[in-house]
PDB file of N, CA and C in Angstrom:
ATOM      1  N   UNK A   1     -46.066  16.734-117.195  1.00  0.00           N
ATOM      2  CA  UNK A   1     -45.925  15.315-116.943  1.00  0.00           C
ATOM      3  C   UNK A   1     -44.697  14.758-117.674  1.00  0.00           C
ATOM      4  N   UNK A   2     -44.590  15.110-118.942  1.00  0.00           N
ATOM      5  CA  UNK A   2     -43.436  14.617-119.700  1.00  0.00           C
ATOM      6  C   UNK A   2     -42.142  15.200-119.146  1.00  0.00           C
ATOM      7  N   UNK A   3     -42.228  16.475-118.796  1.00  0.00           N
ATOM      8  CA  UNK A   3     -41.039  17.125-118.269  1.00  0.00           C
ATOM      9  C   UNK A   3     -40.630  16.456-116.953  1.00  0.00           C
ATOM     10  N   UNK A   4     -41.584  16.171-116.139  1.00  0.00           N
ATOM     11  CA  UNK A   4     -41.319  15.519-114.859  1.00  0.00           C
ATOM     12  C   UNK A   4     -40.741  14.133-115.077  1.00  0.00           C
ATOM     13  N   UNK A   5     -41.262  13.400-116.031  1.00  0.00           N
ATOM     14  CA  UNK A   5     -40.752  12.080-116.372  1.00  0.00           C
ATOM     15  C   UNK A   5     -39.307  12.182-116.879  1.00  0.00           C
ATOM     16  N   UNK A   6     -39.048  13.175-117.705  1.00  0.00           N
ATOM     17  CA  UNK A   6     -37.696  13.380-118.226  1.00  0.00           C
ATOM     18  C   UNK A   6     -36.733  13.712-117.088  1.00  0.00           C
ATOM     19  N   UNK A   7     -37.146  14.541-116.151  1.00  0.00           N
ATOM     20  CA  UNK A   7     -36.299  14.894-115.009  1.00  0.00           C
ATOM     21  C   UNK A   7     -36.035  13.664-114.154  1.00  0.00           C
ATOM     22  N   UNK A   8     -37.048  12.860-113.929  1.00  0.00           N
ATOM     23  CA  UNK A   8     -36.886  11.643-113.122  1.00  0.00           C
ATOM     24  C   UNK A   8     -35.930  10.669-113.803  1.00  0.00           C
ATOM     25  N   UNK A   9     -36.053  10.562-115.120  1.00  0.00           N
ATOM     26  CA  UNK A   9     -35.141   9.697-115.867  1.00  0.00           C
ATOM     27  C   UNK A   9     -33.711  10.191-115.733  1.00  0.00           C
ATOM     28  N   UNK A  10     -33.512  11.496-115.854  1.00  0.00           N
ATOM     29  CA  UNK A  10     -32.174  12.076-115.735  1.00  0.00           C
ATOM     30  C   UNK A  10     -31.625  11.841-114.330  1.00  0.00           C
ATOM     31  N   UNK A  11     -32.464  12.045-113.332  1.00  0.00           N
ATOM     32  CA  UNK A  11     -32.030  11.842-111.946  1.00  0.00           C
ATOM     33  C   UNK A  11     -31.649  10.375-111.733  1.00  0.00           C
ATOM     34  N   UNK A  12     -32.338   9.471-112.357  1.00  0.00           N
ATOM     35  CA  UNK A  12     -32.034   8.054-112.218  1.00  0.00           C
ATOM     36  C   UNK A  12     -30.763   7.675-112.976  1.00  0.00           C
ATOM     37  N   UNK A  13     -30.525   8.296-114.115  1.00  0.00           N
ATOM     38  CA  UNK A  13     -29.370   7.942-114.937  1.00  0.00           C
ATOM     39  C   UNK A  13     -28.063   8.549-114.439  1.00  0.00           C
ATOM     40  N   UNK A  14     -28.106   9.700-113.814  1.00  0.00           N
ATOM     41  CA  UNK A  14     -26.882  10.362-113.354  1.00  0.00           C
ATOM     42  C   UNK A  14     -26.112   9.488-112.359  1.00  0.00           C
ATOM     43  N   UNK A  15     -26.746   8.953-111.330  1.00  0.00           N
ATOM     44  CA  UNK A  15     -25.985   8.092-110.416  1.00  0.00           C
ATOM     45  C   UNK A  15     -25.447   6.829-111.117  1.00  0.00           C
ATOM     46  N   UNK A  16     -26.191   6.336-112.073  1.00  0.00           N
ATOM     47  CA  UNK A  16     -25.732   5.149-112.790  1.00  0.00           C
ATOM     48  C   UNK A  16     -24.464   5.461-113.574  1.00  0.00           C
ATOM     49  N   UNK A  17     -24.415   6.627-114.200  1.00  0.00           N
ATOM     50  CA  UNK A  17     -23.206   6.987-114.952  1.00  0.00           C
ATOM     51  C   UNK A  17     -22.046   7.210-113.990  1.00  0.00           C
ATOM     52  N   UNK A  18     -22.345   7.739-112.802  1.00  0.00           N
ATOM     53  CA  UNK A  18     -21.308   7.905-111.781  1.00  0.00           C
ATOM     54  C   UNK A  18     -20.797   6.556-111.314  1.00  0.00           C
ATOM     55  N   UNK A  19     -21.695   5.613-111.155  1.00  0.00           N
ATOM     56  CA  UNK A  19     -21.292   4.274-110.740  1.00  0.00           C
ATOM     57  C   UNK A  19     -20.440   3.612-111.809  1.00  0.00           C
ATOM     58  N   UNK A  20     -20.807   3.838-113.058  1.00  0.00           N
ATOM     59  CA  UNK A  20     -20.018   3.286-114.161  1.00  0.00           C
ATOM     60  C   UNK A  20     -18.627   3.901-114.149  1.00  0.00           C
ATOM     61  N   UNK A  21     -18.557   5.208-113.961  1.00  0.00           N
ATOM     62  CA  UNK A  21     -17.255   5.888-113.914  1.00  0.00           C
ATOM     63  C   UNK A  21     -16.438   5.389-112.733  1.00  0.00           C
ATOM     64  N   UNK A  22     -17.073   5.204-111.613  1.00  0.00           N
ATOM     65  CA  UNK A  22     -16.393   4.693-110.433  1.00  0.00           C
ATOM     66  C   UNK A  22     -15.902   3.269-110.685  1.00  0.00           C
ATOM     67  N   UNK A  23     -16.730   2.484-111.309  1.00  0.00           N
ATOM     68  CA  UNK A  23     -16.351   1.112-111.660  1.00  0.00           C
ATOM     69  C   UNK A  23     -15.153   1.100-112.592  1.00  0.00           C
ATOM     70  N   UNK A  24     -15.120   2.040-113.517  1.00  0.00           N
ATOM     71  CA  UNK A  24     -13.986   2.129-114.452  1.00  0.00           C
ATOM     72  C   UNK A  24     -12.712   2.478-113.694  1.00  0.00           C
ATOM     73  N   UNK A  25     -12.827   3.388-112.730  1.00  0.00           N
ATOM     74  CA  UNK A  25     -11.663   3.775-111.940  1.00  0.00           C
ATOM     75  C   UNK A  25     -11.138   2.582-111.139  1.00  0.00           C
ATOM     76  N   UNK A  26     -12.055   1.829-110.568  1.00  0.00           N
ATOM     77  CA  UNK A  26     -11.664   0.633-109.814  1.00  0.00           C
ATOM     78  C   UNK A  26     -10.994  -0.371-110.738  1.00  0.00           C
ATOM     79  N   UNK A  27     -11.574  -0.549-111.907  1.00  0.00           N
ATOM     80  CA  UNK A  27     -10.981  -1.478-112.882  1.00  0.00           C
ATOM     81  C   UNK A  27      -9.585  -1.019-113.294  1.00  0.00           C
ATOM     82  N   UNK A  28      -9.413   0.276-113.499  1.00  0.00           N
ATOM     83  CA  UNK A  28      -8.096   0.813-113.874  1.00  0.00           C
ATOM     84  C   UNK A  28      -7.077   0.579-112.770  1.00  0.00           C
ATOM     85  N   UNK A  29      -7.490   0.832-111.531  1.00  0.00           N
ATOM     86  CA  UNK A  29      -6.582   0.598-110.396  1.00  0.00           C
ATOM     87  C   UNK A  29      -6.215  -0.875-110.290  1.00  0.00           C
ATOM     88  N   UNK A  30      -7.209  -1.730-110.450  1.00  0.00           N
ATOM     89  CA  UNK A  30      -6.952  -3.167-110.366  1.00  0.00           C
ATOM     90  C   UNK A  30      -5.993  -3.596-111.478  1.00  0.00           C
ATOM     91  N   UNK A  31      -6.192  -3.078-112.659  1.00  0.00           N
ATOM     92  CA  UNK A  31      -5.315  -3.405-113.786  1.00  0.00           C
ATOM     93  C   UNK A  31      -3.882  -2.946-113.519  1.00  0.00           C
ATOM     94  N   UNK A  32      -3.741  -1.729-112.962  1.00  0.00           N
ATOM     95  CA  UNK A  32      -2.406  -1.220-112.631  1.00  0.00           C
ATOM     96  C   UNK A  32      -1.731  -2.107-111.602  1.00  0.00           C
ATOM     97  N   UNK A  33      -2.489  -2.531-110.594  1.00  0.00           N
ATOM     98  CA  UNK A  33      -1.932  -3.393-109.549  1.00  0.00           C
ATOM     99  C   UNK A  33      -1.509  -4.742-110.136  1.00  0.00           C
ATOM    100  N   UNK A  34      -2.337  -5.284-110.996  1.00  0.00           N
ATOM    101  CA  UNK A  34      -1.991  -6.555-111.644  1.00  0.00           C
ATOM    102  C   UNK A  34      -0.726  -6.381-112.479  1.00  0.00           C
ATOM    103  N   UNK A  35      -0.628  -5.296-113.213  1.00  0.00           N
ATOM    104  CA  UNK A  35       0.572  -5.041-114.022  1.00  0.00           C
ATOM    105  C   UNK A  35       1.815  -4.940-113.146  1.00  0.00           C
ATOM    106  N   UNK A  36       1.685  -4.260-111.990  1.00  0.00           N
ATOM    107  CA  UNK A  36       2.820  -4.153-111.062  1.00  0.00           C
ATOM    108  C   UNK A  36       3.242  -5.534-110.577  1.00  0.00           C
ATOM    109  N   UNK A  37       2.251  -6.337-110.208  1.00  0.00           N
ATOM    110  CA  UNK A  37       2.563  -7.672-109.691  1.00  0.00           C
ATOM    111  C   UNK A  37       3.206  -8.539-110.771  1.00  0.00           C
ATOM    112  N   UNK A  38       2.730  -8.403-111.991  1.00  0.00           N
ATOM    113  CA  UNK A  38       3.312  -9.162-113.099  1.00  0.00           C
ATOM    114  C   UNK A  38       4.765  -8.746-113.305  1.00  0.00           C
ATOM    115  N   UNK A  39       5.037  -7.466-113.265  1.00  0.00           N
ATOM    116  CA  UNK A  39       6.410  -6.974-113.426  1.00  0.00           C
ATOM    117  C   UNK A  39       7.303  -7.477-112.295  1.00  0.00           C
ATOM    118  N   UNK A  40       6.782  -7.446-111.065  1.00  0.00           N
ATOM    119  CA  UNK A  40       7.553  -7.973-109.936  1.00  0.00           C
ATOM    120  C   UNK A  40       7.850  -9.457-110.148  1.00  0.00           C
ATOM    121  N   UNK A  41       6.857 -10.195-110.602  1.00  0.00           N
ATOM    122  CA  UNK A  41       7.052 -11.620-110.857  1.00  0.00           C
ATOM    123  C   UNK A  41       8.092 -11.859-111.940  1.00  0.00           C
ATOM    124  N   UNK A  42       8.026 -11.086-113.009  1.00  0.00           N
ATOM    125  CA  UNK A  42       9.012 -11.227-114.084  1.00  0.00           C
ATOM    126  C   UNK A  42      10.416 -10.927-113.567  1.00  0.00           C
ATOM    127  N   UNK A  43      10.530  -9.891-112.750  1.00  0.00           N
ATOM    128  CA  UNK A  43      11.841  -9.522-112.209  1.00  0.00           C
ATOM    129  C   UNK A  43      12.382 -10.629-111.309  1.00  0.00           C
ATOM    130  N   UNK A  44      11.497 -11.204-110.484  1.00  0.00           N
ATOM    131  CA  UNK A  44      11.935 -12.305-109.614  1.00  0.00           C
ATOM    132  C   UNK A  44      12.393 -13.493-110.433  1.00  0.00           C
ATOM    133  N   UNK A  45      11.653 -13.803-111.493  1.00  0.00           N
ATOM    134  CA  UNK A  45      12.036 -14.920-112.356  1.00  0.00           C
ATOM    135  C   UNK A  45      13.385 -14.649-112.999  1.00  0.00           C
ATOM    136  N   UNK A  46      13.588 -13.424-113.487  1.00  0.00           N
ATOM    137  CA  UNK A  46      14.873 -13.073-114.100  1.00  0.00           C
ATOM    138  C   UNK A  46      16.007 -13.164-113.085  1.00  0.00           C
ATOM    139  N   UNK A  47      15.759 -12.697-111.867  1.00  0.00           N
ATOM    140  CA  UNK A  47      16.782 -12.790-110.821  1.00  0.00           C
ATOM    141  C   UNK A  47      17.139 -14.246-110.531  1.00  0.00           C
ATOM    142  N   UNK A  48      16.126 -15.086-110.413  1.00  0.00           N
ATOM    143  CA  UNK A  48      16.375 -16.507-110.144  1.00  0.00           C
ATOM    144  C   UNK A  48      17.122 -17.164-111.303  1.00  0.00           C
ATOM    145  N   UNK A  49      16.764 -16.794-112.517  1.00  0.00           N
ATOM    146  CA  UNK A  49      17.470 -17.332-113.680  1.00  0.00           C
ATOM    147  C   UNK A  49      18.942 -16.928-113.667  1.00  0.00           C
ATOM    148  N   UNK A  50      19.200 -15.681-113.327  1.00  0.00           N
ATOM    149  CA  UNK A  50      20.587 -15.216-113.271  1.00  0.00           C
ATOM    150  C   UNK A  50      21.368 -15.934-112.175  1.00  0.00           C
ATOM    151  N   UNK A  51      20.732 -16.137-111.019  1.00  0.00           N
ATOM    152  CA  UNK A  51      21.390 -16.878-109.936  1.00  0.00           C
ATOM    153  C   UNK A  51      21.703 -18.302-110.386  1.00  0.00           C
ATOM    154  N   UNK A  52      20.739 -18.935-111.029  1.00  0.00           N
ATOM    155  CA  UNK A  52      20.946 -20.298-111.517  1.00  0.00           C
ATOM    156  C   UNK A  52      22.049 -20.353-112.557  1.00  0.00           C
ATOM    157  N   UNK A  53      22.059 -19.394-113.459  1.00  0.00           N
ATOM    158  CA  UNK A  53      23.097 -19.347-114.497  1.00  0.00           C
ATOM    159  C   UNK A  53      24.469 -19.177-113.855  1.00  0.00           C
ATOM    160  N   UNK A  54      24.560 -18.319-112.848  1.00  0.00           N
ATOM    161  CA  UNK A  54      25.829 -18.090-112.163  1.00  0.00           C
ATOM    162  C   UNK A  54      26.307 -19.362-111.473  1.00  0.00           C
ATOM    163  N   UNK A  55      25.386 -20.066-110.802  1.00  0.00           N
ATOM    164  CA  UNK A  55      25.755 -21.323-110.140  1.00  0.00           C
ATOM    165  C   UNK A  55      26.239 -22.355-111.160  1.00  0.00           C
ATOM    166  N   UNK A  56      25.548 -22.433-112.297  1.00  0.00           N
ATOM    167  CA  UNK A  56      25.971 -23.368-113.331  1.00  0.00           C
ATOM    168  C   UNK A  56      27.359 -23.033-113.846  1.00  0.00           C
ATOM    169  N   UNK A  57      27.620 -21.765-114.061  1.00  0.00           N
ATOM    170  CA  UNK A  57      28.938 -21.351-114.549  1.00  0.00           C
ATOM    171  C   UNK A  57      30.023 -21.660-113.526  1.00  0.00           C
ATOM    172  N   UNK A  58      29.728 -21.404-112.245  1.00  0.00           N
ATOM    173  CA  UNK A  58      30.702 -21.717-111.199  1.00  0.00           C
ATOM    174  C   UNK A  58      30.949 -23.212-111.128  1.00  0.00           C
ATOM    175  N   UNK A  59      29.887 -23.992-111.209  1.00  0.00           N
ATOM    176  CA  UNK A  59      30.033 -25.448-111.186  1.00  0.00           C
ATOM    177  C   UNK A  59      30.839 -25.945-112.376  1.00  0.00           C
ATOM    178  N   UNK A  60      30.577 -25.399-113.547  1.00  0.00           N
ATOM    179  CA  UNK A  60      31.314 -25.807-114.746  1.00  0.00           C
ATOM    180  C   UNK A  60      32.786 -25.438-114.609  1.00  0.00           C
ATOM    181  N   UNK A  61      33.069 -24.292-114.016  1.00  0.00           N
ATOM    182  CA  UNK A  61      34.447 -23.856-113.808  1.00  0.00           C
ATOM    183  C   UNK A  61      35.172 -24.819-112.865  1.00  0.00           C
ATOM    184  N   UNK A  62      34.488 -25.213-111.795  1.00  0.00           N
ATOM    185  CA  UNK A  62      35.086 -26.156-110.846  1.00  0.00           C
ATOM    186  C   UNK A  62      35.343 -27.506-111.501  1.00  0.00           C
ATOM    187  N   UNK A  63      34.398 -27.971-112.294  1.00  0.00           N
ATOM    188  CA  UNK A  63      34.572 -29.253-112.988  1.00  0.00           C
ATOM    189  C   UNK A  63      35.747 -29.162-113.956  1.00  0.00           C
ATOM    190  N   UNK A  64      35.836 -28.054-114.664  1.00  0.00           N
ATOM    191  CA  UNK A  64      36.934 -27.877-115.615  1.00  0.00           C
ATOM    192  C   UNK A  64      38.281 -27.893-114.882  1.00  0.00           C
ATOM    193  N   UNK A  65      38.368 -27.241-113.723  1.00  0.00           N
ATOM    194  CA  UNK A  65      39.598 -27.248-112.933  1.00  0.00           C
ATOM    195  C   UNK A  65      39.950 -28.665-112.487  1.00  0.00           C
ATOM    196  N   UNK A  66      38.949 -29.428-112.063  1.00  0.00           N
ATOM    197  CA  UNK A  66      39.187 -30.809-111.647  1.00  0.00           C
ATOM    198  C   UNK A  66      39.702 -31.648-112.808  1.00  0.00           C
ATOM    199  N   UNK A  67      39.078 -31.457-113.961  1.00  0.00           N
ATOM    200  CA  UNK A  67      39.498 -32.217-115.143  1.00  0.00           C
ATOM    201  C   UNK A  67      40.937 -31.867-115.505  1.00  0.00           C
ATOM    202  N   UNK A  68      41.266 -30.585-115.487  1.00  0.00           N
ATOM    203  CA  UNK A  68      42.634 -30.159-115.802  1.00  0.00           C
ATOM    204  C   UNK A  68      43.622 -30.728-114.789  1.00  0.00           C
ATOM    205  N   UNK A  69      43.243 -30.689-113.508  1.00  0.00           N
ATOM    206  CA  UNK A  69      44.110 -31.269-112.466  1.00  0.00           C
ATOM    207  C   UNK A  69      44.297 -32.760-112.663  1.00  0.00           C
ATOM    208  N   UNK A  70      43.211 -33.446-112.990  1.00  0.00           N
ATOM    209  CA  UNK A  70      43.290 -34.888-113.238  1.00  0.00           C
ATOM    210  C   UNK A  70      44.157 -35.193-114.451  1.00  0.00           C
ATOM    211  N   UNK A  71      44.064 -34.364-115.477  1.00  0.00           N
ATOM    212  CA  UNK A  71      44.877 -34.567-116.677  1.00  0.00           C
ATOM    213  C   UNK A  71      46.351 -34.366-116.350  1.00  0.00           C
ATOM    214  N   UNK A  72      46.674 -33.360-115.536  1.00  0.00           N
ATOM    215  CA  UNK A  72      48.070 -33.131-115.128  1.00  0.00           C
ATOM    216  C   UNK A  72      48.594 -34.323-114.335  1.00  0.00           C
ATOM    217  N   UNK A  73      47.768 -34.804-113.392  1.00  0.00           N
ATOM    218  CA  UNK A  73      48.173 -35.957-112.587  1.00  0.00           C
ATOM    219  C   UNK A  73      48.392 -37.184-113.470  1.00  0.00           C
ATOM    220  N   UNK A  74      47.494 -37.400-114.423  1.00  0.00           N
ATOM    221  CA  UNK A  74      47.634 -38.547-115.316  1.00  0.00           C
ATOM    222  C   UNK A  74      48.901 -38.425-116.158  1.00  0.00           C
ATOM    223  N   UNK A  75      49.216 -37.229-116.616  1.00  0.00           N
ATOM    224  CA  UNK A  75      50.428 -36.996-117.410  1.00  0.00           C
ATOM    225  C   UNK A  75      51.680 -37.287-116.580  1.00  0.00           C
ATOM    226  N   UNK A  76      51.685 -36.807-115.311  1.00  0.00           N
ATOM    227  CA  UNK A  76      52.810 -37.070-114.423  1.00  0.00           C
ATOM    228  C   UNK A  76      52.986 -38.569-114.196  1.00  0.00           C
ATOM    229  N   UNK A  77      51.868 -39.262-113.977  1.00  0.00           N
ATOM    230  CA  UNK A  77      51.936 -40.704-113.749  1.00  0.00           C
ATOM    231  C   UNK A  77      52.454 -41.419-114.987  1.00  0.00           C
ATOM    232  N   UNK A  78      51.999 -40.978-116.161  1.00  0.00           N
ATOM    233  CA  UNK A  78      52.456 -41.599-117.397  1.00  0.00           C
ATOM    234  C   UNK A  78      53.950 -41.368-117.577  1.00  0.00           C
ATOM    235  N   UNK A  79      54.432 -40.185-117.276  1.00  0.00           N
ATOM    236  CA  UNK A  79      55.856 -39.897-117.380  1.00  0.00           C
ATOM    237  C   UNK A  79      56.650 -40.746-116.397  1.00  0.00           C
ATOM    238  N   UNK A  80      56.105 -40.886-115.181  1.00  0.00           N
ATOM    239  CA  UNK A  80      56.790 -41.690-114.166  1.00  0.00           C
ATOM    240  C   UNK A  80      56.855 -43.151-114.597  1.00  0.00           C
ATOM    241  N   UNK A  81      55.772 -43.656-115.146  1.00  0.00           N
ATOM    242  CA  UNK A  81      55.741 -45.040-115.622  1.00  0.00           C
ATOM    243  C   UNK A  81      56.745 -45.219-116.756  1.00  0.00           C
ATOM    244  N   UNK A  82      56.812 -44.211-117.633  1.00  0.00           N
ATOM    245  CA  UNK A  82      57.781 -44.271-118.736  1.00  0.00           C
ATOM    246  C   UNK A  82      59.207 -44.267-118.224  1.00  0.00           C
ATOM    247  N   UNK A  83      59.499 -43.445-117.229  1.00  0.00           N
ATOM    248  CA  UNK A  83      60.843 -43.398-116.652  1.00  0.00           C
ATOM    249  C   UNK A  83      61.165 -44.707-115.958  1.00  0.00           C
ATOM    250  N   UNK A  84      60.178 -45.248-115.232  1.00  0.00           N
ATOM    251  CA  UNK A  84      60.380 -46.528-114.548  1.00  0.00           C
ATOM    252  C   UNK A  84      60.630 -47.631-115.558  1.00  0.00           C
ATOM    253  N   UNK A  85      59.923 -47.582-116.677  1.00  0.00           N
ATOM    254  CA  UNK A  85      60.102 -48.613-117.702  1.00  0.00           C
ATOM    255  C   UNK A  85      61.503 -48.495-118.329  1.00  0.00           C
ATOM    256  N   UNK A  86      61.984 -47.274-118.559  1.00  0.00           N
ATOM    257  CA  UNK A  86      63.328 -47.084-119.111  1.00  0.00           C
ATOM    258  C   UNK A  86      64.392 -47.582-118.148  1.00  0.00           C
ATOM    259  N   UNK A  87      64.180 -47.297-116.852  1.00  0.00           N
ATOM    260  CA  UNK A  87      65.126 -47.775-115.853  1.00  0.00           C
ATOM    261  C   UNK A  87      65.156 -49.277-115.818  1.00  0.00           C
ATOM    262  N   UNK A  88      63.956 -49.870-115.866  1.00  0.00           N
ATOM    263  CA  UNK A  88      63.859 -51.327-115.822  1.00  0.00           C
ATOM    264  C   UNK A  88      64.489 -51.938-117.062  1.00  0.00           C
ATOM    265  N   UNK A  89      64.279 -51.335-118.205  1.00  0.00           N
ATOM    266  CA  UNK A  89      64.838 -51.871-119.444  1.00  0.00           C
ATOM    267  C   UNK A  89      66.371 -51.666-119.469  1.00  0.00           C
ATOM    268  N   UNK A  90      66.844 -50.576-118.992  1.00  0.00           N
ATOM    269  CA  UNK A  90      68.265 -50.281-118.979  1.00  0.00           C
ATOM    270  C   UNK A  90      68.994 -51.086-117.912  1.00  0.00           C
ATOM    271  N   UNK A  91      68.356 -51.320-116.817  1.00  0.00           N
ATOM    272  CA  UNK A  91      68.969 -52.052-115.717  1.00  0.00           C
ATOM    273  C   UNK A  91      69.076 -53.532-116.015  1.00  0.00           C
ATOM    274  N   UNK A  92      68.248 -54.053-116.863  1.00  0.00           N
ATOM    275  CA  UNK A  92      68.245 -55.471-117.187  1.00  0.00           C
ATOM    276  C   UNK A  92      69.338 -55.848-118.166  1.00  0.00           C
ATOM    277  N   UNK A  93      69.978 -54.902-118.838  1.00  0.00           N
ATOM    278  CA  UNK A  93      70.999 -55.215-119.828  1.00  0.00           C
ATOM    279  C   UNK A  93      72.343 -55.224-119.263  1.00  0.00           C
TER     280      UNK A  93
END
């Protein structure tokens, strides 16, 4: 009787341990998939950050060129005004 009870207990526990092992395998696979997705997400974020950084740098470069061009134009205008003023002052005497 005891032996039979022990065998029945073992027969009942073996599938349960198999189910636990199977559950662990499923959990491991799910964890691996989540890790892959997280890595993909991180890579996408890094790619987007790099694209944004590149756009900002290009925009800053364009603004700097405009500022330099505007400064050159302002310098030319100032020189022209100075020359015009000298002509006007010299012509009046």
